[in-house]
All heavy atoms as atom14 arrays in JSON, in Angstrom:
{
  "sequence": "ATALIVTAFGTIEVAVEAMKHGAVDFLTKPFTPEVLRAKVDSALEL",
  "atom14_mask": [
    [1, 1, 1, 1, 1, 0, 0, 0, 0, 0, 0, 0, 0, 0],
    [1, 1, 1, 1, 1, 1, 1, 0, 0, 0, 0, 0, 0, 0],
    [1, 1, 1, 1, 1, 0, 0, 0, 0, 0, 0, 0, 0, 0],
    [1, 1, 1, 1, 1, 1, 1, 1, 0, 0, 0, 0, 0, 0],
    [1, 1, 1, 1, 1, 1, 1, 1, 0, 0, 0, 0, 0, 0],
    [1, 1, 1, 1, 1, 1, 1, 0, 0, 0, 0, 0, 0, 0],
    [1, 1, 1, 1, 1, 1, 1, 0, 0, 0, 0, 0, 0, 0],
    [1, 1, 1, 1, 1, 0, 0, 0, 0, 0, 0, 0, 0, 0],
    [1, 1, 1, 1, 1, 1, 1, 1, 1, 1, 1, 0, 0, 0],
    [1, 1, 1, 1, 0, 0, 0, 0, 0, 0, 0, 0, 0, 0],
    [1, 1, 1, 1, 1, 1, 1, 0, 0, 0, 0, 0, 0, 0],
    [1, 1, 1, 1, 1, 1, 1, 1, 0, 0, 0, 0, 0, 0],
    [1, 1, 1, 1, 1, 1, 1, 1, 1, 0, 0, 0, 0, 0],
    [1, 1, 1, 1, 1, 1, 1, 0, 0, 0, 0, 0, 0, 0],
    [1, 1, 1, 1, 1, 0, 0, 0, 0, 0, 0, 0, 0, 0],
    [1, 1, 1, 1, 1, 1, 1, 0, 0, 0, 0, 0, 0, 0],
    [1, 1, 1, 1, 1, 1, 1, 1, 1, 0, 0, 0, 0, 0],
    [1, 1, 1, 1, 1, 0, 0, 0, 0, 0, 0, 0, 0, 0],
    [1, 1, 1, 1, 1, 1, 1, 1, 0, 0, 0, 0, 0, 0],
    [1, 1, 1, 1, 1, 1, 1, 1, 1, 0, 0, 0, 0, 0],
    [1, 1, 1, 1, 1, 1, 1, 1, 1, 1, 0, 0, 0, 0],
    [1, 1, 1, 1, 0, 0, 0, 0, 0, 0, 0, 0, 0, 0],
    [1, 1, 1, 1, 1, 0, 0, 0, 0, 0, 0, 0, 0, 0],
    [1, 1, 1, 1, 1, 1, 1, 0, 0, 0, 0, 0, 0, 0],
    [1, 1, 1, 1, 1, 1, 1, 1, 0, 0, 0, 0, 0, 0],
    [1, 1, 1, 1, 1, 1, 1, 1, 1, 1, 1, 0, 0, 0],
    [1, 1, 1, 1, 1, 1, 1, 1, 0, 0, 0, 0, 0, 0],
    [1, 1, 1, 1, 1, 1, 1, 0, 0, 0, 0, 0, 0, 0],
    [1, 1, 1, 1, 1, 1, 1, 1, 1, 0, 0, 0, 0, 0],
    [1, 1, 1, 1, 1, 1, 1, 0, 0, 0, 0, 0, 0, 0],
    [1, 1, 1, 1, 1, 1, 1, 1, 1, 1, 1, 0, 0, 0],
    [1, 1, 1, 1, 1, 1, 1, 0, 0, 0, 0, 0, 0, 0],
    [1, 1, 1, 1, 1, 1, 1, 0, 0, 0, 0, 0, 0, 0],
    [1, 1, 1, 1, 1, 1, 1, 1, 1, 0, 0, 0, 0, 0],
    [1, 1, 1, 1, 1, 1, 1, 0, 0, 0, 0, 0, 0, 0],
    [1, 1, 1, 1, 1, 1, 1, 1, 0, 0, 0, 0, 0, 0],
    [1, 1, 1, 1, 1, 1, 1, 1, 1, 1, 1, 0, 0, 0],
    [1, 1, 1, 1, 1, 0, 0, 0, 0, 0, 0, 0, 0, 0],
    [1, 1, 1, 1, 1, 1, 1, 1, 1, 0, 0, 0, 0, 0],
    [1, 1, 1, 1, 1, 1, 1, 0, 0, 0, 0, 0, 0, 0],
    [1, 1, 1, 1, 1, 1, 1, 1, 0, 0, 0, 0, 0, 0],
    [1, 1, 1, 1, 1, 1, 0, 0, 0, 0, 0, 0, 0, 0],
    [1, 1, 1, 1, 1, 0, 0, 0, 0, 0, 0, 0, 0, 0],
    [1, 1, 1, 1, 1, 1, 1, 1, 0, 0, 0, 0, 0, 0],
    [1, 1, 1, 1, 1, 1, 1, 1, 1, 0, 0, 0, 0, 0],
    [1, 1, 1, 1, 1, 1, 1, 1, 0, 0, 0, 0, 0, 0]
  ],
  "atom14_positions": [
    [[158.06, 61.02, 56.93], [158.49, 59.62, 56.74], [159.21, 59.08, 57.94], [159.85, 59.84, 58.75], [159.48, 59.64, 55.54], [0.0, 0.0, 0.0], [0.0, 0.0, 0.0], [0.0, 0.0, 0.0], [0.0, 0.0, 0.0], [0.0, 0.0, 0.0], [0.0, 0.0, 0.0], [0.0, 0.0, 0.0], [0.0, 0.0, 0.0], [0.0, 0.0, 0.0]],
    [[159.1, 57.81, 58.13], [159.73, 57.1, 59.28], [160.84, 56.19, 58.8], [160.54, 55.38, 57.88], [158.59, 56.37, 60.06], [157.59, 57.23, 60.42], [159.22, 55.67, 61.33], [0.0, 0.0, 0.0], [0.0, 0.0, 0.0], [0.0, 0.0, 0.0], [0.0, 0.0, 0.0], [0.0, 0.0, 0.0], [0.0, 0.0, 0.0], [0.0, 0.0, 0.0]],
    [[162.01, 56.41, 59.28], [163.16, 55.65, 58.84], [164.02, 55.1, 59.92], [164.19, 55.75, 61.0], [164.04, 56.43, 57.91], [0.0, 0.0, 0.0], [0.0, 0.0, 0.0], [0.0, 0.0, 0.0], [0.0, 0.0, 0.0], [0.0, 0.0, 0.0], [0.0, 0.0, 0.0], [0.0, 0.0, 0.0], [0.0, 0.0, 0.0], [0.0, 0.0, 0.0]],
    [[164.47, 53.87, 59.8], [165.25, 53.19, 60.73], [166.6, 52.73, 60.08], [166.52, 52.23, 58.96], [164.53, 51.95, 61.25], [165.25, 51.0, 62.2], [165.22, 51.53, 63.56], [164.57, 49.63, 62.12], [0.0, 0.0, 0.0], [0.0, 0.0, 0.0], [0.0, 0.0, 0.0], [0.0, 0.0, 0.0], [0.0, 0.0, 0.0], [0.0, 0.0, 0.0]],
    [[167.72, 53.05, 60.67], [169.02, 52.68, 60.03], [169.6, 51.54, 60.8], [169.61, 51.51, 62.05], [169.98, 53.87, 60.05], [169.48, 55.05, 59.19], [171.34, 53.46, 59.61], [170.28, 56.27, 59.18], [0.0, 0.0, 0.0], [0.0, 0.0, 0.0], [0.0, 0.0, 0.0], [0.0, 0.0, 0.0], [0.0, 0.0, 0.0], [0.0, 0.0, 0.0]],
    [[170.15, 50.53, 60.06], [170.88, 49.38, 60.64], [172.26, 49.42, 60.11], [172.51, 49.91, 58.96], [170.22, 48.05, 60.35], [168.83, 47.96, 60.97], [170.16, 47.75, 58.86], [0.0, 0.0, 0.0], [0.0, 0.0, 0.0], [0.0, 0.0, 0.0], [0.0, 0.0, 0.0], [0.0, 0.0, 0.0], [0.0, 0.0, 0.0], [0.0, 0.0, 0.0]],
    [[173.22, 48.96, 60.93], [174.58, 48.92, 60.47], [175.44, 47.97, 61.36], [175.13, 47.7, 62.51], [175.23, 50.34, 60.61], [176.54, 50.31, 60.05], [175.31, 50.84, 61.96], [0.0, 0.0, 0.0], [0.0, 0.0, 0.0], [0.0, 0.0, 0.0], [0.0, 0.0, 0.0], [0.0, 0.0, 0.0], [0.0, 0.0, 0.0], [0.0, 0.0, 0.0]],
    [[176.52, 47.56, 60.75], [177.57, 46.78, 61.44], [178.66, 47.66, 61.92], [179.62, 47.28, 62.62], [178.06, 45.68, 60.59], [0.0, 0.0, 0.0], [0.0, 0.0, 0.0], [0.0, 0.0, 0.0], [0.0, 0.0, 0.0], [0.0, 0.0, 0.0], [0.0, 0.0, 0.0], [0.0, 0.0, 0.0], [0.0, 0.0, 0.0], [0.0, 0.0, 0.0]],
    [[178.56, 49.04, 61.59], [179.59, 49.97, 61.89], [179.05, 51.11, 62.78], [179.35, 52.26, 62.61], [180.13, 50.52, 60.58], [180.54, 49.55, 59.62], [179.68, 49.08, 58.58], [181.78, 48.87, 59.72], [180.09, 48.09, 57.74], [182.15, 47.96, 58.76], [181.27, 47.52, 57.79], [0.0, 0.0, 0.0], [0.0, 0.0, 0.0], [0.0, 0.0, 0.0]],
    [[178.38, 50.7, 63.83], [177.73, 51.68, 64.61], [178.59, 52.31, 65.73], [179.35, 51.51, 66.36], [0.0, 0.0, 0.0], [0.0, 0.0, 0.0], [0.0, 0.0, 0.0], [0.0, 0.0, 0.0], [0.0, 0.0, 0.0], [0.0, 0.0, 0.0], [0.0, 0.0, 0.0], [0.0, 0.0, 0.0], [0.0, 0.0, 0.0], [0.0, 0.0, 0.0]],
    [[178.46, 53.55, 65.89], [179.17, 54.26, 67.02], [178.09, 55.23, 67.55], [177.13, 55.54, 66.89], [180.37, 55.09, 66.55], [179.95, 56.14, 65.63], [181.38, 54.24, 65.88], [0.0, 0.0, 0.0], [0.0, 0.0, 0.0], [0.0, 0.0, 0.0], [0.0, 0.0, 0.0], [0.0, 0.0, 0.0], [0.0, 0.0, 0.0], [0.0, 0.0, 0.0]],
    [[178.33, 55.76, 68.72], [177.38, 56.65, 69.3], [177.29, 57.98, 68.46], [176.21, 58.44, 68.19], [177.75, 56.97, 70.76], [177.57, 55.78, 71.66], [177.01, 58.14, 71.31], [178.05, 55.86, 73.04], [0.0, 0.0, 0.0], [0.0, 0.0, 0.0], [0.0, 0.0, 0.0], [0.0, 0.0, 0.0], [0.0, 0.0, 0.0], [0.0, 0.0, 0.0]],
    [[178.46, 58.38, 67.97], [178.49, 59.57, 67.12], [177.63, 59.41, 65.9], [176.94, 60.39, 65.5], [179.9, 59.97, 66.78], [180.78, 60.41, 67.97], [181.31, 59.23, 68.73], [181.29, 58.1, 68.33], [181.72, 59.49, 69.94], [0.0, 0.0, 0.0], [0.0, 0.0, 0.0], [0.0, 0.0, 0.0], [0.0, 0.0, 0.0], [0.0, 0.0, 0.0]],
    [[177.83, 58.28, 65.2], [177.08, 58.01, 63.99], [175.52, 57.91, 64.29], [174.66, 58.34, 63.56], [177.58, 56.77, 63.26], [176.76, 56.41, 62.05], [179.04, 56.98, 62.77], [0.0, 0.0, 0.0], [0.0, 0.0, 0.0], [0.0, 0.0, 0.0], [0.0, 0.0, 0.0], [0.0, 0.0, 0.0], [0.0, 0.0, 0.0], [0.0, 0.0, 0.0]],
    [[175.26, 57.28, 65.39], [173.81, 57.08, 65.77], [173.2, 58.49, 66.07], [172.12, 58.8, 65.57], [173.67, 56.22, 67.02], [0.0, 0.0, 0.0], [0.0, 0.0, 0.0], [0.0, 0.0, 0.0], [0.0, 0.0, 0.0], [0.0, 0.0, 0.0], [0.0, 0.0, 0.0], [0.0, 0.0, 0.0], [0.0, 0.0, 0.0], [0.0, 0.0, 0.0]],
    [[173.97, 59.36, 66.75], [173.46, 60.71, 66.99], [173.23, 61.48, 65.67], [172.29, 62.16, 65.47], [174.36, 61.43, 68.0], [174.09, 62.91, 67.99], [174.36, 60.87, 69.32], [0.0, 0.0, 0.0], [0.0, 0.0, 0.0], [0.0, 0.0, 0.0], [0.0, 0.0, 0.0], [0.0, 0.0, 0.0], [0.0, 0.0, 0.0], [0.0, 0.0, 0.0]],
    [[174.24, 61.37, 64.78], [174.08, 62.03, 63.45], [172.91, 61.48, 62.74], [172.13, 62.34, 62.14], [175.38, 61.8, 62.63], [175.36, 62.52, 61.31], [176.53, 62.28, 60.48], [177.56, 61.64, 60.89], [176.52, 62.76, 59.3], [0.0, 0.0, 0.0], [0.0, 0.0, 0.0], [0.0, 0.0, 0.0], [0.0, 0.0, 0.0], [0.0, 0.0, 0.0]],
    [[172.69, 60.2, 62.76], [171.51, 59.61, 62.02], [170.22, 60.12, 62.61], [169.29, 60.56, 61.88], [171.54, 58.09, 62.12], [0.0, 0.0, 0.0], [0.0, 0.0, 0.0], [0.0, 0.0, 0.0], [0.0, 0.0, 0.0], [0.0, 0.0, 0.0], [0.0, 0.0, 0.0], [0.0, 0.0, 0.0], [0.0, 0.0, 0.0], [0.0, 0.0, 0.0]],
    [[170.11, 60.25, 63.89], [168.93, 60.76, 64.52], [168.67, 62.24, 64.22], [167.6, 62.74, 64.01], [168.98, 60.54, 66.01], [169.19, 59.05, 66.42], [167.83, 58.08, 66.11], [167.08, 58.05, 67.72], [0.0, 0.0, 0.0], [0.0, 0.0, 0.0], [0.0, 0.0, 0.0], [0.0, 0.0, 0.0], [0.0, 0.0, 0.0], [0.0, 0.0, 0.0]],
    [[169.78, 63.03, 64.2], [169.72, 64.46, 63.91], [169.1, 64.64, 62.5], [168.47, 65.63, 62.24], [171.05, 65.09, 63.96], [171.57, 65.46, 65.23], [172.92, 66.22, 65.15], [173.56, 66.5, 66.43], [174.91, 67.15, 66.2], [0.0, 0.0, 0.0], [0.0, 0.0, 0.0], [0.0, 0.0, 0.0], [0.0, 0.0, 0.0], [0.0, 0.0, 0.0]],
    [[169.45, 63.72, 61.58], [168.97, 63.82, 60.23], [167.61, 63.16, 59.99], [167.15, 63.09, 58.84], [170.05, 63.31, 59.23], [171.26, 64.25, 59.19], [171.27, 65.45, 58.63], [172.49, 64.07, 59.71], [172.45, 66.02, 58.78], [173.16, 65.23, 59.42], [0.0, 0.0, 0.0], [0.0, 0.0, 0.0], [0.0, 0.0, 0.0], [0.0, 0.0, 0.0]],
    [[166.94, 62.67, 61.0], [165.61, 62.2, 60.9], [165.38, 60.72, 61.08], [164.21, 60.26, 61.07], [0.0, 0.0, 0.0], [0.0, 0.0, 0.0], [0.0, 0.0, 0.0], [0.0, 0.0, 0.0], [0.0, 0.0, 0.0], [0.0, 0.0, 0.0], [0.0, 0.0, 0.0], [0.0, 0.0, 0.0], [0.0, 0.0, 0.0], [0.0, 0.0, 0.0]],
    [[166.36, 59.92, 61.34], [166.11, 58.49, 61.62], [165.45, 58.43, 62.95], [165.77, 59.13, 63.89], [167.47, 57.72, 61.63], [0.0, 0.0, 0.0], [0.0, 0.0, 0.0], [0.0, 0.0, 0.0], [0.0, 0.0, 0.0], [0.0, 0.0, 0.0], [0.0, 0.0, 0.0], [0.0, 0.0, 0.0], [0.0, 0.0, 0.0], [0.0, 0.0, 0.0]],
    [[164.4, 57.5, 63.07], [163.77, 57.36, 64.37], [164.56, 56.42, 65.3], [164.31, 56.44, 66.47], [162.3, 56.86, 64.22], [161.5, 57.9, 63.4], [162.24, 55.53, 63.56], [0.0, 0.0, 0.0], [0.0, 0.0, 0.0], [0.0, 0.0, 0.0], [0.0, 0.0, 0.0], [0.0, 0.0, 0.0], [0.0, 0.0, 0.0], [0.0, 0.0, 0.0]],
    [[165.38, 55.63, 64.69], [166.22, 54.7, 65.54], [167.44, 54.19, 64.76], [167.53, 54.39, 63.52], [165.31, 53.47, 65.95], [165.76, 52.94, 67.31], [166.91, 53.14, 67.73], [164.95, 52.3, 67.98], [0.0, 0.0, 0.0], [0.0, 0.0, 0.0], [0.0, 0.0, 0.0], [0.0, 0.0, 0.0], [0.0, 0.0, 0.0], [0.0, 0.0, 0.0]],
    [[168.35, 53.66, 65.45], [169.63, 53.21, 64.89], [169.95, 51.83, 65.49], [170.01, 51.78, 66.74], [170.7, 54.24, 65.22], [172.05, 54.04, 64.56], [172.24, 54.56, 63.33], [173.03, 53.43, 65.2], [173.52, 54.46, 62.64], [174.33, 53.24, 64.55], [174.51, 53.71, 63.37], [0.0, 0.0, 0.0], [0.0, 0.0, 0.0], [0.0, 0.0, 0.0]],
    [[170.09, 50.82, 64.72], [170.23, 49.46, 65.2], [171.58, 48.93, 64.79], [171.82, 48.91, 63.58], [169.12, 48.58, 64.75], [168.9, 47.21, 65.32], [168.86, 47.25, 66.8], [167.65, 46.6, 64.74], [0.0, 0.0, 0.0], [0.0, 0.0, 0.0], [0.0, 0.0, 0.0], [0.0, 0.0, 0.0], [0.0, 0.0, 0.0], [0.0, 0.0, 0.0]],
    [[172.42, 48.46, 65.75], [173.69, 47.96, 65.38], [173.63, 46.36, 65.23], [173.14, 45.71, 66.08], [174.74, 48.36, 66.45], [174.71, 49.82, 66.6], [176.13, 47.86, 66.14], [0.0, 0.0, 0.0], [0.0, 0.0, 0.0], [0.0, 0.0, 0.0], [0.0, 0.0, 0.0], [0.0, 0.0, 0.0], [0.0, 0.0, 0.0], [0.0, 0.0, 0.0]],
    [[174.18, 45.89, 64.08], [174.31, 44.44, 63.87], [175.44, 43.91, 64.74], [176.33, 44.62, 64.98], [174.63, 44.15, 62.41], [173.61, 44.69, 61.46], [174.11, 44.4, 59.97], [173.23, 45.1, 58.97], [173.82, 45.01, 57.62], [0.0, 0.0, 0.0], [0.0, 0.0, 0.0], [0.0, 0.0, 0.0], [0.0, 0.0, 0.0], [0.0, 0.0, 0.0]],
    [[175.43, 42.69, 65.12], [174.24, 41.77, 64.93], [173.17, 42.0, 66.04], [173.42, 42.53, 67.08], [174.89, 40.43, 65.21], [176.06, 40.65, 66.17], [176.51, 42.08, 65.87], [0.0, 0.0, 0.0], [0.0, 0.0, 0.0], [0.0, 0.0, 0.0], [0.0, 0.0, 0.0], [0.0, 0.0, 0.0], [0.0, 0.0, 0.0], [0.0, 0.0, 0.0]],
    [[171.94, 41.74, 65.62], [170.81, 41.8, 66.52], [169.96, 40.6, 66.28], [169.99, 39.91, 65.23], [170.04, 43.16, 66.26], [169.76, 43.42, 64.8], [168.77, 42.79, 64.16], [170.58, 44.34, 64.18], [168.5, 43.03, 62.81], [170.31, 44.64, 62.81], [169.31, 43.97, 62.15], [0.0, 0.0, 0.0], [0.0, 0.0, 0.0], [0.0, 0.0, 0.0]],
    [[169.17, 40.3, 67.32], [168.27, 39.15, 67.24], [167.0, 39.56, 66.49], [166.59, 40.75, 66.41], [167.82, 38.69, 68.66], [167.09, 39.71, 69.28], [169.04, 38.35, 69.44], [0.0, 0.0, 0.0], [0.0, 0.0, 0.0], [0.0, 0.0, 0.0], [0.0, 0.0, 0.0], [0.0, 0.0, 0.0], [0.0, 0.0, 0.0], [0.0, 0.0, 0.0]],
    [[166.3, 38.61, 65.94], [165.05, 38.88, 65.25], [164.06, 39.62, 66.27], [163.25, 40.41, 65.82], [164.45, 37.52, 64.88], [165.71, 36.65, 64.77], [166.61, 37.15, 65.86], [0.0, 0.0, 0.0], [0.0, 0.0, 0.0], [0.0, 0.0, 0.0], [0.0, 0.0, 0.0], [0.0, 0.0, 0.0], [0.0, 0.0, 0.0], [0.0, 0.0, 0.0]],
    [[164.06, 39.26, 67.47], [163.17, 39.87, 68.48], [163.49, 41.38, 68.68], [162.6, 42.2, 68.74], [163.33, 39.2, 69.88], [162.81, 37.71, 69.87], [163.85, 36.71, 69.29], [165.11, 37.06, 69.22], [163.43, 35.63, 68.95], [0.0, 0.0, 0.0], [0.0, 0.0, 0.0], [0.0, 0.0, 0.0], [0.0, 0.0, 0.0], [0.0, 0.0, 0.0]],
    [[164.68, 41.67, 68.66], [165.13, 43.12, 68.74], [164.69, 43.89, 67.53], [164.12, 44.93, 67.64], [166.67, 43.25, 69.04], [167.06, 44.75, 68.85], [167.04, 42.82, 70.38], [0.0, 0.0, 0.0], [0.0, 0.0, 0.0], [0.0, 0.0, 0.0], [0.0, 0.0, 0.0], [0.0, 0.0, 0.0], [0.0, 0.0, 0.0], [0.0, 0.0, 0.0]],
    [[164.94, 43.34, 66.37], [164.49, 43.91, 65.08], [162.98, 44.08, 65.07], [162.44, 45.15, 64.8], [164.91, 43.05, 63.85], [164.42, 43.67, 62.57], [165.05, 45.1, 62.31], [164.89, 42.72, 61.45], [0.0, 0.0, 0.0], [0.0, 0.0, 0.0], [0.0, 0.0, 0.0], [0.0, 0.0, 0.0], [0.0, 0.0, 0.0], [0.0, 0.0, 0.0]],
    [[162.27, 43.09, 65.5], [160.77, 43.21, 65.53], [160.37, 44.3, 66.47], [159.39, 45.08, 66.16], [160.12, 41.89, 65.99], [158.61, 42.1, 66.18], [157.64, 41.0, 66.05], [157.81, 40.05, 65.02], [157.2, 40.17, 63.84], [156.49, 41.21, 63.51], [157.31, 39.22, 63.02], [0.0, 0.0, 0.0], [0.0, 0.0, 0.0], [0.0, 0.0, 0.0]],
    [[160.95, 44.41, 67.65], [160.55, 45.49, 68.64], [160.84, 46.83, 68.02], [160.01, 47.78, 68.17], [161.35, 45.23, 69.89], [0.0, 0.0, 0.0], [0.0, 0.0, 0.0], [0.0, 0.0, 0.0], [0.0, 0.0, 0.0], [0.0, 0.0, 0.0], [0.0, 0.0, 0.0], [0.0, 0.0, 0.0], [0.0, 0.0, 0.0], [0.0, 0.0, 0.0]],
    [[161.95, 47.0, 67.36], [162.4, 48.3, 66.77], [161.41, 48.64, 65.64], [160.91, 49.79, 65.51], [163.8, 48.29, 66.22], [164.81, 48.09, 67.28], [165.04, 49.35, 68.14], [166.18, 49.15, 69.05], [166.42, 50.39, 69.82], [0.0, 0.0, 0.0], [0.0, 0.0, 0.0], [0.0, 0.0, 0.0], [0.0, 0.0, 0.0], [0.0, 0.0, 0.0]],
    [[161.09, 47.72, 64.85], [160.13, 47.83, 63.75], [158.73, 48.18, 64.2], [158.12, 49.14, 63.75], [160.16, 46.65, 62.76], [158.93, 46.76, 61.81], [161.46, 46.6, 61.97], [0.0, 0.0, 0.0], [0.0, 0.0, 0.0], [0.0, 0.0, 0.0], [0.0, 0.0, 0.0], [0.0, 0.0, 0.0], [0.0, 0.0, 0.0], [0.0, 0.0, 0.0]],
    [[158.31, 47.46, 65.27], [157.0, 47.69, 65.79], [156.9, 49.15, 66.37], [155.87, 49.83, 66.19], [156.63, 46.75, 66.88], [156.35, 45.32, 66.39], [156.04, 45.18, 65.17], [156.31, 44.41, 67.16], [0.0, 0.0, 0.0], [0.0, 0.0, 0.0], [0.0, 0.0, 0.0], [0.0, 0.0, 0.0], [0.0, 0.0, 0.0], [0.0, 0.0, 0.0]],
    [[157.94, 49.48, 67.03], [158.01, 50.88, 67.65], [157.93, 51.96, 66.59], [157.26, 52.92, 66.59], [159.2, 51.06, 68.49], [159.3, 52.36, 69.04], [0.0, 0.0, 0.0], [0.0, 0.0, 0.0], [0.0, 0.0, 0.0], [0.0, 0.0, 0.0], [0.0, 0.0, 0.0], [0.0, 0.0, 0.0], [0.0, 0.0, 0.0], [0.0, 0.0, 0.0]],
    [[158.78, 51.79, 65.47], [158.77, 52.69, 64.37], [157.51, 52.76, 63.66], [157.05, 53.86, 63.32], [159.93, 52.37, 63.39], [0.0, 0.0, 0.0], [0.0, 0.0, 0.0], [0.0, 0.0, 0.0], [0.0, 0.0, 0.0], [0.0, 0.0, 0.0], [0.0, 0.0, 0.0], [0.0, 0.0, 0.0], [0.0, 0.0, 0.0], [0.0, 0.0, 0.0]],
    [[156.85, 51.63, 63.48], [155.54, 51.59, 62.83], [154.46, 52.3, 63.68], [153.57, 53.01, 63.1], [155.06, 50.2, 62.49], [155.79, 49.56, 61.28], [155.51, 47.98, 61.22], [155.6, 50.27, 60.06], [0.0, 0.0, 0.0], [0.0, 0.0, 0.0], [0.0, 0.0, 0.0], [0.0, 0.0, 0.0], [0.0, 0.0, 0.0], [0.0, 0.0, 0.0]],
    [[154.53, 52.21, 64.96], [153.59, 52.88, 65.84], [153.82, 54.39, 65.7], [152.84, 55.18, 65.59], [153.74, 52.43, 67.25], [152.8, 53.13, 68.23], [151.34, 52.84, 67.98], [150.99, 51.76, 67.42], [150.6, 53.73, 68.21], [0.0, 0.0, 0.0], [0.0, 0.0, 0.0], [0.0, 0.0, 0.0], [0.0, 0.0, 0.0], [0.0, 0.0, 0.0]],
    [[155.06, 54.87, 65.67], [155.36, 56.2, 65.45], [154.8, 56.75, 64.07], [154.26, 57.74, 63.96], [156.82, 56.46, 65.5], [157.25, 57.93, 65.28], [156.65, 58.89, 66.25], [158.78, 58.05, 65.27], [0.0, 0.0, 0.0], [0.0, 0.0, 0.0], [0.0, 0.0, 0.0], [0.0, 0.0, 0.0], [0.0, 0.0, 0.0], [0.0, 0.0, 0.0]]
  ]
}
């Protein structure tokens, strides 16, 4: 499974923990639609 986590409470430590547990990416809010699209496109390619 491919999973992407978004949050308004992002830290490097939490992002590393998320990736250790299988998230393919970690996106901190706020983000632009273009950034979200790029992250989603990359995750879908994976």
